[in-house]
Amino acid sequence: MLTQITGEPARVITSRTAERAAAVWRGLLADHKIALVQAKHDLGEAGTANPYDVRAGEVYEVTAVRRGRITLSNGTGRDLVIPVSKLGDYLYTSVTTLDAQSSVPHAGS
């Protein structure tokens, strides 16, 4: 969908750990790249609350990675903040971004 919106090629970067994902996401933001992530689909039934208010299956933009926390936005005007240590419980560790060359480290470690 990112390609359809922007007309530019998109790519998915997958990381094996939450810590590695956070490092990749931080690199994307440092390069002024968009970073889109998806909440896991198995977070409970629709309307079920969790401590971070992450909604199952929703897509979020990563807007900050600092001090061991990830800040997410889904366009509602209210940011969600999740500790990196809990990232894997609520989000997939892959990220979709535009394919322009950057200094982002390659994932996989």
N, C-alpha and C. Protein backbone atom coordinates (compact mmCIF):
# COMPACT_ATOMS: atom_id res chain seq x y z
N MET A 1 0.81 -1.18 0.00
CA MET A 1 0.00 0.00 0.00
C MET A 1 0.87 1.26 0.00
N LEU A 2 2.01 1.23 0.68
CA LEU A 2 2.89 2.40 0.71
C LEU A 2 3.33 2.78 -0.70
N THR A 3 3.60 1.79 -1.52
CA THR A 3 3.98 2.06 -2.92
C THR A 3 2.82 2.70 -3.67
N GLN A 4 1.61 2.24 -3.44
CA GLN A 4 0.45 2.82 -4.11
C GLN A 4 0.24 4.27 -3.70
N ILE A 5 0.50 4.58 -2.45
CA ILE A 5 0.30 5.94 -1.96
C ILE A 5 1.37 6.89 -2.47
N THR A 6 2.64 6.44 -2.45
CA THR A 6 3.76 7.32 -2.76
C THR A 6 4.25 7.21 -4.20
N GLY A 7 3.98 6.07 -4.85
CA GLY A 7 4.52 5.84 -6.19
C GLY A 7 5.98 5.40 -6.15
N GLU A 8 6.54 5.23 -4.97
CA GLU A 8 7.93 4.80 -4.80
C GLU A 8 7.95 3.36 -4.30
N PRO A 9 9.02 2.61 -4.64
CA PRO A 9 9.10 1.23 -4.17
C PRO A 9 9.23 1.17 -2.64
N ALA A 10 8.54 0.23 -2.06
CA ALA A 10 8.61 0.02 -0.61
C ALA A 10 9.32 -1.30 -0.34
N ARG A 11 9.80 -1.45 0.88
CA ARG A 11 10.41 -2.71 1.27
C ARG A 11 10.05 -3.03 2.71
N VAL A 12 10.16 -4.29 3.04
CA VAL A 12 9.91 -4.76 4.40
C VAL A 12 11.23 -5.24 4.97
N ILE A 13 11.55 -4.78 6.16
CA ILE A 13 12.76 -5.19 6.87
C ILE A 13 12.30 -5.99 8.09
N THR A 14 12.76 -7.23 8.21
CA THR A 14 12.37 -8.08 9.32
C THR A 14 13.55 -8.29 10.26
N SER A 15 13.29 -8.16 11.53
CA SER A 15 14.31 -8.37 12.56
C SER A 15 13.92 -9.55 13.42
N ARG A 16 14.91 -10.23 13.97
CA ARG A 16 14.64 -11.41 14.80
C ARG A 16 14.31 -11.08 16.24
N THR A 17 14.75 -9.93 16.72
CA THR A 17 14.50 -9.56 18.12
C THR A 17 13.92 -8.16 18.21
N ALA A 18 13.28 -7.88 19.32
CA ALA A 18 12.72 -6.55 19.55
C ALA A 18 13.81 -5.50 19.61
N GLU A 19 14.93 -5.84 20.23
CA GLU A 19 16.03 -4.88 20.34
C GLU A 19 16.60 -4.54 18.97
N ARG A 20 16.74 -5.54 18.11
CA ARG A 20 17.24 -5.29 16.75
C ARG A 20 16.22 -4.48 15.95
N ALA A 21 14.94 -4.80 16.11
CA ALA A 21 13.90 -4.04 15.42
C ALA A 21 13.96 -2.57 15.84
N ALA A 22 14.10 -2.31 17.13
CA ALA A 22 14.18 -0.93 17.61
C ALA A 22 15.37 -0.21 17.01
N ALA A 23 16.51 -0.90 16.86
CA ALA A 23 17.70 -0.28 16.26
C ALA A 23 17.46 0.05 14.79
N VAL A 24 16.80 -0.85 14.07
CA VAL A 24 16.49 -0.61 12.65
C VAL A 24 15.52 0.56 12.54
N TRP A 25 14.50 0.58 13.38
CA TRP A 25 13.51 1.65 13.34
C TRP A 25 14.15 2.99 13.67
N ARG A 26 15.06 3.01 14.67
CA ARG A 26 15.77 4.24 15.03
C ARG A 26 16.59 4.73 13.84
N GLY A 27 17.24 3.82 13.12
CA GLY A 27 18.02 4.19 11.94
C GLY A 27 17.15 4.78 10.85
N LEU A 28 15.98 4.21 10.63
CA LEU A 28 15.07 4.77 9.63
C LEU A 28 14.67 6.19 9.99
N LEU A 29 14.33 6.41 11.24
CA LEU A 29 13.93 7.75 11.66
C LEU A 29 15.09 8.74 11.54
N ALA A 30 16.29 8.29 11.87
CA ALA A 30 17.47 9.17 11.72
C ALA A 30 17.69 9.56 10.27
N ASP A 31 17.31 8.66 9.35
CA ASP A 31 17.42 8.94 7.91
C ASP A 31 16.18 9.64 7.36
N HIS A 32 15.27 10.02 8.25
CA HIS A 32 14.02 10.71 7.86
C HIS A 32 13.17 9.85 6.94
N LYS A 33 13.12 8.56 7.23
CA LYS A 33 12.31 7.60 6.46
C LYS A 33 11.06 7.25 7.26
N ILE A 34 10.01 6.93 6.55
CA ILE A 34 8.79 6.47 7.20
C ILE A 34 9.02 5.05 7.70
N ALA A 35 8.43 4.73 8.84
CA ALA A 35 8.53 3.40 9.42
C ALA A 35 7.13 2.98 9.86
N LEU A 36 6.54 2.03 9.15
CA LEU A 36 5.20 1.55 9.46
C LEU A 36 5.29 0.15 10.04
N VAL A 37 4.60 -0.09 11.15
CA VAL A 37 4.60 -1.39 11.80
C VAL A 37 3.17 -1.83 12.04
N GLN A 38 3.00 -3.13 12.24
CA GLN A 38 1.65 -3.65 12.45
C GLN A 38 1.54 -4.35 13.80
N ALA A 39 0.41 -4.11 14.46
CA ALA A 39 0.13 -4.81 15.71
C ALA A 39 -0.21 -6.26 15.39
N LYS A 40 0.12 -7.13 16.30
CA LYS A 40 -0.19 -8.54 16.13
C LYS A 40 -1.71 -8.73 16.08
N HIS A 41 -2.13 -9.76 15.38
CA HIS A 41 -3.56 -10.03 15.23
C HIS A 41 -4.15 -10.76 16.43
N ASP A 42 -3.32 -11.35 17.26
CA ASP A 42 -3.82 -12.17 18.36
C ASP A 42 -3.72 -11.47 19.72
N LEU A 43 -4.12 -10.22 19.76
CA LEU A 43 -4.04 -9.44 21.01
C LEU A 43 -5.30 -9.56 21.85
N GLY A 44 -6.20 -10.39 21.46
CA GLY A 44 -7.46 -10.54 22.19
C GLY A 44 -8.62 -10.10 21.32
N GLU A 45 -9.79 -10.19 21.87
CA GLU A 45 -10.99 -9.83 21.13
C GLU A 45 -11.07 -8.33 20.90
N ALA A 46 -11.76 -7.95 19.85
CA ALA A 46 -11.94 -6.53 19.53
C ALA A 46 -12.51 -5.80 20.75
N GLY A 47 -11.94 -4.63 21.03
CA GLY A 47 -12.41 -3.84 22.15
C GLY A 47 -11.75 -4.20 23.47
N THR A 48 -10.98 -5.30 23.48
CA THR A 48 -10.29 -5.68 24.71
C THR A 48 -9.11 -4.75 24.93
N ALA A 49 -9.02 -4.19 26.11
CA ALA A 49 -7.94 -3.25 26.41
C ALA A 49 -6.66 -4.01 26.76
N ASN A 50 -5.52 -3.40 26.45
CA ASN A 50 -4.23 -3.88 26.92
C ASN A 50 -3.51 -2.67 27.49
N PRO A 51 -2.43 -2.88 28.22
CA PRO A 51 -1.79 -1.76 28.93
C PRO A 51 -1.32 -0.62 28.02
N TYR A 52 -1.11 -0.89 26.74
CA TYR A 52 -0.57 0.13 25.84
C TYR A 52 -1.59 0.60 24.81
N ASP A 53 -2.81 0.09 24.89
CA ASP A 53 -3.90 0.47 23.99
C ASP A 53 -3.60 0.17 22.52
N VAL A 54 -2.77 -0.82 22.28
CA VAL A 54 -2.48 -1.26 20.91
C VAL A 54 -3.66 -2.08 20.42
N ARG A 55 -4.14 -1.80 19.23
CA ARG A 55 -5.31 -2.48 18.66
C ARG A 55 -4.86 -3.57 17.69
N ALA A 56 -5.38 -4.75 17.87
CA ALA A 56 -5.01 -5.90 17.05
C ALA A 56 -5.12 -5.59 15.56
N GLY A 57 -4.04 -5.88 14.82
CA GLY A 57 -4.04 -5.75 13.37
C GLY A 57 -3.86 -4.34 12.83
N GLU A 58 -3.89 -3.32 13.69
CA GLU A 58 -3.75 -1.94 13.19
C GLU A 58 -2.32 -1.64 12.78
N VAL A 59 -2.19 -0.69 11.87
CA VAL A 59 -0.88 -0.23 11.41
C VAL A 59 -0.57 1.09 12.11
N TYR A 60 0.68 1.22 12.56
CA TYR A 60 1.13 2.41 13.26
C TYR A 60 2.39 2.95 12.61
N GLU A 61 2.57 4.25 12.68
CA GLU A 61 3.82 4.87 12.27
C GLU A 61 4.71 5.00 13.50
N VAL A 62 5.96 4.56 13.37
CA VAL A 62 6.93 4.75 14.45
C VAL A 62 7.39 6.21 14.36
N THR A 63 7.21 6.96 15.44
CA THR A 63 7.59 8.38 15.42
C THR A 63 8.80 8.67 16.29
N ALA A 64 9.16 7.75 17.18
CA ALA A 64 10.36 7.95 18.01
C ALA A 64 10.81 6.61 18.59
N VAL A 65 12.12 6.50 18.76
CA VAL A 65 12.74 5.37 19.47
C VAL A 65 13.81 5.99 20.35
N ARG A 66 13.54 6.04 21.64
CA ARG A 66 14.53 6.62 22.56
C ARG A 66 14.25 6.17 23.99
N ARG A 67 15.33 6.12 24.75
CA ARG A 67 15.27 5.76 26.16
C ARG A 67 14.54 4.44 26.40
N GLY A 68 14.74 3.49 25.50
CA GLY A 68 14.13 2.17 25.68
C GLY A 68 12.65 2.11 25.40
N ARG A 69 12.13 3.11 24.69
CA ARG A 69 10.70 3.16 24.39
C ARG A 69 10.45 3.47 22.92
N ILE A 70 9.37 2.93 22.40
CA ILE A 70 8.92 3.16 21.03
C ILE A 70 7.67 4.03 21.10
N THR A 71 7.62 5.10 20.32
CA THR A 71 6.42 5.94 20.25
C THR A 71 5.76 5.68 18.91
N LEU A 72 4.46 5.40 18.96
CA LEU A 72 3.68 5.07 17.77
C LEU A 72 2.54 6.06 17.58
N SER A 73 2.16 6.27 16.32
CA SER A 73 1.02 7.12 15.99
C SER A 73 0.16 6.40 14.95
N ASN A 74 -1.14 6.49 15.08
CA ASN A 74 -2.02 5.94 14.05
C ASN A 74 -2.95 7.02 13.50
N GLY A 75 -2.56 8.28 13.67
CA GLY A 75 -3.30 9.38 13.09
C GLY A 75 -4.48 9.86 13.92
N THR A 76 -4.63 9.35 15.13
CA THR A 76 -5.76 9.77 15.96
C THR A 76 -5.42 10.97 16.83
N GLY A 77 -4.15 11.39 16.83
CA GLY A 77 -3.75 12.51 17.65
C GLY A 77 -3.24 12.11 19.02
N ARG A 78 -3.30 10.83 19.33
CA ARG A 78 -2.81 10.35 20.63
C ARG A 78 -1.73 9.31 20.40
N ASP A 79 -0.53 9.61 20.86
CA ASP A 79 0.58 8.68 20.68
C ASP A 79 0.50 7.53 21.68
N LEU A 80 1.01 6.38 21.26
CA LEU A 80 1.14 5.22 22.14
C LEU A 80 2.63 5.02 22.41
N VAL A 81 2.99 4.72 23.63
CA VAL A 81 4.39 4.50 24.00
C VAL A 81 4.51 3.10 24.58
N ILE A 82 5.43 2.32 24.00
CA ILE A 82 5.64 0.93 24.40
C ILE A 82 7.11 0.72 24.72
N PRO A 83 7.42 0.10 25.85
CA PRO A 83 8.83 -0.23 26.12
C PRO A 83 9.35 -1.23 25.09
N VAL A 84 10.60 -1.08 24.69
CA VAL A 84 11.20 -2.02 23.74
C VAL A 84 11.08 -3.45 24.27
N SER A 85 11.19 -3.62 25.58
CA SER A 85 11.11 -4.97 26.17
C SER A 85 9.75 -5.63 25.96
N LYS A 86 8.71 -4.85 25.65
CA LYS A 86 7.36 -5.38 25.42
C LYS A 86 6.97 -5.36 23.95
N LEU A 87 7.81 -4.82 23.11
CA LEU A 87 7.51 -4.65 21.69
C LEU A 87 7.03 -5.95 21.05
N GLY A 88 7.76 -7.04 21.26
CA GLY A 88 7.43 -8.33 20.65
C GLY A 88 6.11 -8.92 21.13
N ASP A 89 5.60 -8.44 22.26
CA ASP A 89 4.31 -8.93 22.76
C ASP A 89 3.15 -8.33 21.99
N TYR A 90 3.36 -7.15 21.41
CA TYR A 90 2.25 -6.41 20.80
C TYR A 90 2.42 -6.11 19.31
N LEU A 91 3.66 -6.04 18.84
CA LEU A 91 3.93 -5.67 17.44
C LEU A 91 4.77 -6.73 16.75
N TYR A 92 4.57 -6.87 15.44
CA TYR A 92 5.49 -7.67 14.65
C TYR A 92 6.80 -6.88 14.54
N THR A 93 7.92 -7.57 14.44
CA THR A 93 9.21 -6.88 14.41
C THR A 93 9.64 -6.48 13.01
N SER A 94 8.77 -6.64 12.03
CA SER A 94 9.08 -6.16 10.68
C SER A 94 8.55 -4.74 10.52
N VAL A 95 9.16 -4.01 9.60
CA VAL A 95 8.78 -2.62 9.35
C VAL A 95 8.71 -2.42 7.84
N THR A 96 7.76 -1.62 7.40
CA THR A 96 7.65 -1.26 5.99
C THR A 96 8.14 0.17 5.84
N THR A 97 8.98 0.39 4.84
CA THR A 97 9.55 1.71 4.60
C THR A 97 9.72 1.91 3.11
N LEU A 98 10.09 3.11 2.70
CA LEU A 98 10.39 3.34 1.29
C LEU A 98 11.77 2.79 0.99
N ASP A 99 12.00 2.38 -0.25
CA ASP A 99 13.19 1.62 -0.62
C ASP A 99 14.42 2.46 -0.93
N ALA A 100 14.37 3.75 -0.74
CA ALA A 100 15.55 4.58 -1.02
C ALA A 100 16.72 4.10 -0.18
N GLN A 101 17.91 4.19 -0.74
CA GLN A 101 19.11 3.77 -0.01
C GLN A 101 19.27 4.59 1.25
N SER A 102 19.74 3.94 2.31
CA SER A 102 19.93 4.65 3.57
C SER A 102 21.07 4.00 4.32
N SER A 103 21.36 4.56 5.48
CA SER A 103 22.41 4.00 6.33
C SER A 103 21.83 3.05 7.37
N VAL A 104 20.60 2.59 7.17
CA VAL A 104 19.97 1.69 8.11
C VAL A 104 20.70 0.35 8.11
N PRO A 105 21.03 -0.17 9.30
CA PRO A 105 21.71 -1.47 9.34
C PRO A 105 20.77 -2.55 8.82
N HIS A 106 21.35 -3.55 8.19
CA HIS A 106 20.54 -4.67 7.70
C HIS A 106 20.09 -5.49 8.89
N ALA A 107 18.84 -5.89 8.86
CA ALA A 107 18.27 -6.69 9.94
C ALA A 107 18.73 -8.14 9.80
N GLY A 108 18.27 -8.95 10.72
CA GLY A 108 18.55 -10.36 10.63
C GLY A 108 19.42 -10.85 11.76
N SER A 109 19.95 -9.96 12.55
CA SER A 109 20.76 -10.44 13.67
C SER A 109 19.97 -10.43 14.94
